[in-house]
């Protein structure tokens, strides 16, 4: 008996046709037997009336076969499979009963999300250390004192009347608080600087104090000890780093490195979703191509009577 690939789910119409064929053949057999016994021909109406009970039994048996066929031969939608895996990698493979691949994609998804969380947490931990180190070793007091001193030296008009220690290498203001800092913020623009120090300690704040040393380098606490000049970075030579600035840079790079790895995990997660979706669609196609069918006929005893049966043999 030849087998061929099943290109679509068998429709109820097709099954009904098969049942009617079986009915016709079975009834014909019964009719032939009856005509041999009586030796006369019957009309079409008498022909079907004679087989009414047998038709009912055949119909009931066929209904059982039809339900079994519909359950076993259901094809898998490639679109559904792809959609399921696009949402949750591996879900489409479960749908197509490809459980090993489902475990692979789902396991990879768990590993990637775990790595993303771990690297983000590591980045946060190092970032917290970096900010604490910056707060300890970089001083707004030194920074605003320097701006006031420089503005005073070049004769900027309208300066607030503040005092600073002439003998202090850092020329620190004798009075300093948030109000003093806010009163001096306009000096950044007046002195030609292009960056504005945020009034709150944001991510940009902690980036600026390291990145733009020609403006903010004077705020670090080891500039004088390293170069012998508290205003060393004002000269324009900011290629050399103090030990504290170098350590701060390393913390910043380490933190950014962890964040970059976390972002890489997100990119790989996206790839996993796409690949899983494509693979699920092909899995559905392969699953459907694996379905085969053939027809067969047999005789079965039902309610004490011999009944001809016609069915579908499915393999996959």
Protein backbone atom coordinates (compact mmCIF):
# COMPACT_ATOMS: atom_id res chain seq x y z
CA UNK A 1 0.00 0.00 0.00
CA UNK A 2 1.59 3.27 -1.09
CA UNK A 3 2.05 6.09 1.43
CA UNK A 4 2.23 9.80 0.60
CA UNK A 5 2.87 12.95 2.60
CA UNK A 6 -0.31 14.44 4.05
CA UNK A 7 -0.49 17.99 2.61
CA UNK A 8 -3.39 19.12 4.80
CA UNK A 9 -5.63 18.02 7.60
CA UNK A 10 -8.31 15.65 6.30
CA UNK A 11 -11.55 17.56 6.12
CA UNK A 12 -14.79 16.25 7.54
CA UNK A 13 -16.15 16.22 4.01
CA UNK A 14 -13.45 13.77 2.90
CA UNK A 15 -14.07 11.51 5.88
CA UNK A 16 -17.80 11.62 5.23
CA UNK A 17 -17.20 10.57 1.64
CA UNK A 18 -15.14 7.60 2.82
CA UNK A 19 -17.90 6.61 5.21
CA UNK A 20 -20.52 6.79 2.46
CA UNK A 21 -18.34 4.64 0.23
CA UNK A 22 -18.06 2.10 3.03
CA UNK A 23 -21.81 2.29 3.55
CA UNK A 24 -22.50 1.75 -0.10
CA UNK A 25 -20.17 -1.25 -0.39
CA UNK A 26 -21.45 -2.80 2.83
CA UNK A 27 -25.04 -2.25 1.82
CA UNK A 28 -24.38 -3.63 -1.62
CA UNK A 29 -22.93 -6.78 -0.11
CA UNK A 30 -25.95 -7.16 2.08
CA UNK A 31 -28.24 -6.52 -0.88
CA UNK A 32 -26.53 -9.15 -2.99
CA UNK A 33 -26.91 -11.68 -0.21
CA UNK A 34 -30.56 -10.82 0.20
CA UNK A 35 -31.30 -11.10 -3.51
CA UNK A 36 -29.67 -14.51 -3.64
CA UNK A 37 -31.95 -15.73 -0.82
CA UNK A 38 -35.18 -14.31 -2.21
CA UNK A 39 -34.30 -14.50 -5.89
CA UNK A 40 -35.77 -11.11 -6.75
CA UNK A 41 -34.66 -7.52 -7.25
CA UNK A 42 -35.48 -4.68 -4.91
CA UNK A 43 -35.96 -0.97 -5.55
CA UNK A 44 -33.50 1.68 -4.32
CA UNK A 45 -35.85 2.64 -1.48
CA UNK A 46 -36.09 -0.96 -0.26
CA UNK A 47 -32.34 -1.27 -0.66
CA UNK A 48 -31.59 1.47 1.88
CA UNK A 49 -34.47 0.53 4.17
CA UNK A 50 -33.05 -2.92 4.54
CA UNK A 51 -29.71 -1.51 5.69
CA UNK A 52 -31.05 1.19 8.00
CA UNK A 53 -29.87 -0.52 11.18
CA UNK A 54 -26.50 -1.37 9.69
CA UNK A 55 -26.08 2.22 8.51
CA UNK A 56 -26.64 3.47 12.08
CA UNK A 57 -23.94 1.15 13.41
CA UNK A 58 -21.53 2.13 10.65
CA UNK A 59 -22.17 5.81 11.24
CA UNK A 60 -21.43 5.49 14.97
CA UNK A 61 -18.20 3.61 14.35
CA UNK A 62 -17.18 6.15 11.73
CA UNK A 63 -17.76 9.01 14.16
CA UNK A 64 -15.26 7.40 16.53
CA UNK A 65 -12.73 7.07 13.72
CA UNK A 66 -13.31 10.68 12.64
CA UNK A 67 -12.62 12.03 16.13
CA UNK A 68 -9.46 9.96 16.37
CA UNK A 69 -8.28 11.19 12.99
CA UNK A 70 -8.94 14.85 13.87
CA UNK A 71 -6.97 14.49 17.10
CA UNK A 72 -4.01 12.64 15.62
CA UNK A 73 -3.66 14.40 12.28
CA UNK A 74 -3.81 18.02 13.40
CA UNK A 75 -1.11 19.91 11.55
CA UNK A 76 1.02 22.51 13.26
CA UNK A 77 0.84 26.12 12.14
CA UNK A 78 4.24 27.57 11.34
CA UNK A 79 2.95 31.06 12.09
CA UNK A 80 1.73 30.02 15.52
CA UNK A 81 4.96 28.20 16.28
CA UNK A 82 7.04 31.24 15.30
CA UNK A 83 4.82 33.57 17.35
CA UNK A 84 5.04 31.38 20.46
CA UNK A 85 8.84 31.22 20.30
CA UNK A 86 9.15 34.92 19.53
CA UNK A 87 7.42 35.60 22.84
CA UNK A 88 9.02 32.79 24.87
CA UNK A 89 11.94 30.96 23.22
CA UNK A 90 11.22 27.24 23.14
CA UNK A 91 7.43 27.60 23.34
CA UNK A 92 7.03 27.05 19.61
CA UNK A 93 9.19 23.94 19.83
CA UNK A 94 6.91 22.58 22.57
CA UNK A 95 3.96 23.28 20.27
CA UNK A 96 5.61 21.23 17.51
CA UNK A 97 6.62 18.53 20.02
CA UNK A 98 10.33 19.15 19.54
CA UNK A 99 11.12 19.01 23.24
CA UNK A 100 14.92 18.84 23.08
CA UNK A 101 15.11 22.07 21.11
CA UNK A 102 12.53 23.62 23.41
CA UNK A 103 14.75 22.85 26.40
CA UNK A 104 17.77 24.30 24.57
CA UNK A 105 16.17 27.65 23.74
CA UNK A 106 14.40 28.00 27.08
CA UNK A 107 17.57 27.11 28.97
CA UNK A 108 19.59 29.61 26.96
CA UNK A 109 16.98 32.29 27.71
CA UNK A 110 17.27 31.64 31.45
CA UNK A 111 21.07 31.74 31.33
CA UNK A 112 21.13 34.98 29.33
CA UNK A 113 18.67 36.80 31.59
CA UNK A 114 20.59 35.60 34.64
CA UNK A 115 23.82 36.91 33.15
CA UNK A 116 22.17 40.24 32.34
CA UNK A 117 20.98 40.64 35.92
CA UNK A 118 24.34 39.58 37.37
CA UNK A 119 26.34 42.01 35.21
CA UNK A 120 23.93 44.86 35.89
CA UNK A 121 24.24 44.23 39.63
CA UNK A 122 28.03 44.11 39.37
CA UNK A 123 27.98 47.37 37.43
CA UNK A 124 25.76 48.96 40.08
CA UNK A 125 28.06 47.79 42.87
CA UNK A 126 31.18 49.23 41.24
CA UNK A 127 29.32 52.41 40.29
CA UNK A 128 28.33 52.88 43.94
CA UNK A 129 31.98 52.47 44.98
CA UNK A 130 33.06 54.92 42.28
CA UNK A 131 30.60 57.58 43.44
CA UNK A 132 31.61 57.16 47.05
CA UNK A 133 35.26 57.50 46.05
CA UNK A 134 34.48 60.61 44.02
CA UNK A 135 32.62 62.18 46.95
CA UNK A 136 35.60 61.47 49.18
CA UNK A 137 38.35 62.77 46.89
CA UNK A 138 36.73 65.46 44.73
CA UNK A 139 35.59 68.68 46.39
CA UNK A 140 33.03 71.21 45.17
CA UNK A 141 34.51 73.59 47.73
CA UNK A 142 37.85 73.51 45.88
CA UNK A 143 36.19 73.80 42.49
CA UNK A 144 34.02 76.86 43.26
CA UNK A 145 36.84 78.47 45.22
CA UNK A 146 39.08 78.14 42.16
CA UNK A 147 36.45 79.71 39.88
CA UNK A 148 35.99 82.62 42.27
CA UNK A 149 39.75 83.12 42.60
CA UNK A 150 40.27 82.99 38.82
CA UNK A 151 37.38 85.42 38.17
CA UNK A 152 38.78 87.77 40.78
CA UNK A 153 42.24 87.59 39.21
CA UNK A 154 41.03 88.56 35.73
CA UNK A 155 38.72 91.24 37.06
CA UNK A 156 35.25 89.85 36.35
CA UNK A 157 32.79 92.53 37.38
CA UNK A 158 29.88 91.99 39.75
CA UNK A 159 31.50 89.28 41.83
CA UNK A 160 29.86 88.48 45.17
CA UNK A 161 31.87 89.70 48.12
CA UNK A 162 33.47 86.51 49.38
CA UNK A 163 36.77 86.04 51.15
CA UNK A 164 39.39 83.38 50.50
CA UNK A 165 42.62 82.47 52.22
CA UNK A 166 45.50 84.08 50.33
CA UNK A 167 48.01 81.75 51.97
CA UNK A 168 46.12 78.60 51.02
CA UNK A 169 47.48 76.98 47.80
CA UNK A 170 43.88 76.08 46.88
CA UNK A 171 42.62 79.61 47.65
CA UNK A 172 39.66 78.12 49.47
CA UNK A 173 36.70 80.35 50.25
CA UNK A 174 36.39 80.96 53.97
CA UNK A 175 32.65 80.49 53.68
CA UNK A 176 31.14 77.80 51.53
CA UNK A 177 27.69 76.20 51.32
CA UNK A 178 25.00 75.41 48.74
CA UNK A 179 23.92 79.04 48.48
CA UNK A 180 27.50 80.16 47.77
CA UNK A 181 27.83 77.50 45.06
CA UNK A 182 24.56 78.60 43.43
CA UNK A 183 25.69 82.23 43.48
CA UNK A 184 28.86 81.29 41.61
CA UNK A 185 27.36 79.05 38.93
CA UNK A 186 27.23 81.85 36.38
CA UNK A 187 31.04 82.01 36.45
CA UNK A 188 31.36 78.80 34.44
CA UNK A 189 30.03 80.59 31.38
CA UNK A 190 31.76 83.90 32.13
CA UNK A 191 35.12 82.15 32.33
CA UNK A 192 34.60 80.41 28.99
CA UNK A 193 33.94 76.88 30.21
CA UNK A 194 31.61 74.77 28.09
CA UNK A 195 30.37 72.42 30.80
CA UNK A 196 27.94 73.16 33.60
CA UNK A 197 28.33 71.16 36.79
CA UNK A 198 24.89 69.70 37.69
CA UNK A 199 23.44 70.99 40.94
CA UNK A 200 22.62 67.40 41.93
CA UNK A 201 24.92 64.40 41.88
CA UNK A 202 23.69 62.71 38.74
CA UNK A 203 25.51 60.24 36.50
CA UNK A 204 26.62 63.22 34.41
CA UNK A 205 28.05 64.89 37.52
CA UNK A 206 30.31 61.91 38.24
CA UNK A 207 31.34 61.68 34.60
CA UNK A 208 32.32 65.35 34.34
CA UNK A 209 34.63 65.47 37.35
CA UNK A 210 36.87 62.88 35.70
CA UNK A 211 36.37 63.47 31.99
CA UNK A 212 37.01 67.23 31.76
CA UNK A 213 40.10 67.74 33.89
CA UNK A 214 40.93 71.13 32.37
CA UNK A 215 37.84 72.44 34.17
CA UNK A 216 37.20 70.09 37.09
CA UNK A 217 40.69 68.70 37.76
CA UNK A 218 41.32 71.34 40.43
CA UNK A 219 38.73 69.66 42.64
CA UNK A 220 40.76 66.49 43.20
CA UNK A 221 42.51 66.31 46.55
CA UNK A 222 45.93 64.99 45.43
CA UNK A 223 46.69 67.43 42.59
CA UNK A 224 48.90 69.61 44.79
CA UNK A 225 50.69 66.61 46.29
CA UNK A 226 51.28 65.05 42.87
CA UNK A 227 52.32 68.08 40.80
CA UNK A 228 53.18 70.71 43.42
CA UNK A 229 50.53 73.01 41.94
CA UNK A 230 46.89 72.98 43.04
CA UNK A 231 45.90 74.53 39.69
CA UNK A 232 48.02 72.19 37.56
CA UNK A 233 45.19 71.19 35.22
CA UNK A 234 44.31 74.82 34.51
CA UNK A 235 47.47 75.03 32.44
CA UNK A 236 45.95 72.78 29.81
CA UNK A 237 48.14 69.74 30.52
CA UNK A 238 45.60 67.16 31.61
CA UNK A 239 47.19 64.09 30.04
CA UNK A 240 48.76 63.07 33.34
CA UNK A 241 46.57 61.63 36.07
CA UNK A 242 47.00 61.73 39.81
CA UNK A 243 46.78 58.37 41.64
CA UNK A 244 43.28 59.18 42.90
CA UNK A 245 42.04 60.21 39.47
CA UNK A 246 43.58 57.09 37.91
CA UNK A 247 41.87 54.85 40.48
CA UNK A 248 38.56 56.63 39.89
CA UNK A 249 39.00 56.09 36.15
CA UNK A 250 39.60 52.37 36.69
CA UNK A 251 36.43 52.08 38.78
CA UNK A 252 34.47 53.92 36.12
CA UNK A 253 35.82 51.69 33.34
CA UNK A 254 35.10 48.56 35.36
CA UNK A 255 31.54 49.67 36.00
CA UNK A 256 30.98 50.54 32.34
CA UNK A 257 32.47 47.19 31.34
CA UNK A 258 29.88 45.32 33.39
CA UNK A 259 27.09 47.45 31.94
CA UNK A 260 28.38 46.74 28.43
CA UNK A 261 28.30 43.01 29.13
CA UNK A 262 24.74 43.33 30.46
CA UNK A 263 23.72 45.11 27.25
CA UNK A 264 25.44 42.42 25.20
CA UNK A 265 23.31 39.82 26.99
CA UNK A 266 20.21 41.77 25.94
CA UNK A 267 21.37 41.67 22.33
CA UNK A 268 21.96 37.92 22.51
CA UNK A 269 18.53 37.49 24.14
CA UNK A 270 16.97 39.22 21.15
CA UNK A 271 18.88 36.94 18.79
CA UNK A 272 17.70 33.92 20.78
CA UNK A 273 14.08 35.02 20.32
CA UNK A 274 14.52 35.49 16.57
CA UNK A 275 16.41 32.23 16.00
CA UNK A 276 13.96 30.28 18.15
CA UNK A 277 11.03 31.72 16.19
CA UNK A 278 12.57 30.81 12.83
CA UNK A 279 13.51 27.35 14.05
CA UNK A 280 9.97 26.81 15.40
CA UNK A 281 8.50 27.63 11.99
CA UNK A 282 10.79 25.07 10.33
CA UNK A 283 9.98 22.56 13.09
CA UNK A 284 6.28 22.93 12.28
CA UNK A 285 7.02 22.37 8.59
CA UNK A 286 9.10 19.29 9.38
CA UNK A 287 6.42 17.98 11.72
CA UNK A 288 3.76 18.34 9.04
CA UNK A 289 5.94 16.73 6.37
CA UNK A 290 6.40 13.75 8.66
CA UNK A 291 2.66 12.99 8.64
CA UNK A 292 1.68 10.21 6.17
CA UNK A 293 -1.52 8.38 5.47
CA UNK A 294 -3.00 5.39 3.64
CA UNK A 295 -6.40 3.74 3.36
CA UNK A 296 -7.45 0.30 4.48
CA UNK A 297 -10.59 -1.80 4.70
CA UNK A 298 -11.49 -4.50 7.20
CA UNK A 299 -14.41 -6.38 8.65
CA UNK A 300 -15.40 -6.03 12.33
CA UNK A 301 -18.05 -7.69 14.48
CA UNK A 302 -20.37 -5.03 15.95
CA UNK A 303 -23.44 -6.04 18.00
CA UNK A 304 -23.16 -9.61 16.80
CA UNK A 305 -23.06 -8.65 13.14
CA UNK A 306 -20.28 -8.47 10.58
CA UNK A 307 -19.61 -4.87 9.57
CA UNK A 308 -17.25 -3.72 6.83
CA UNK A 309 -14.88 -0.95 8.05
CA UNK A 310 -12.91 1.55 5.99
CA UNK A 311 -10.34 3.80 7.63
CA UNK A 312 -7.17 5.83 7.41
CA UNK A 313 -3.75 4.60 8.53
CA UNK A 314 -1.56 7.45 9.81
CA UNK A 315 2.21 7.40 10.33
CA UNK A 316 4.70 10.13 11.35
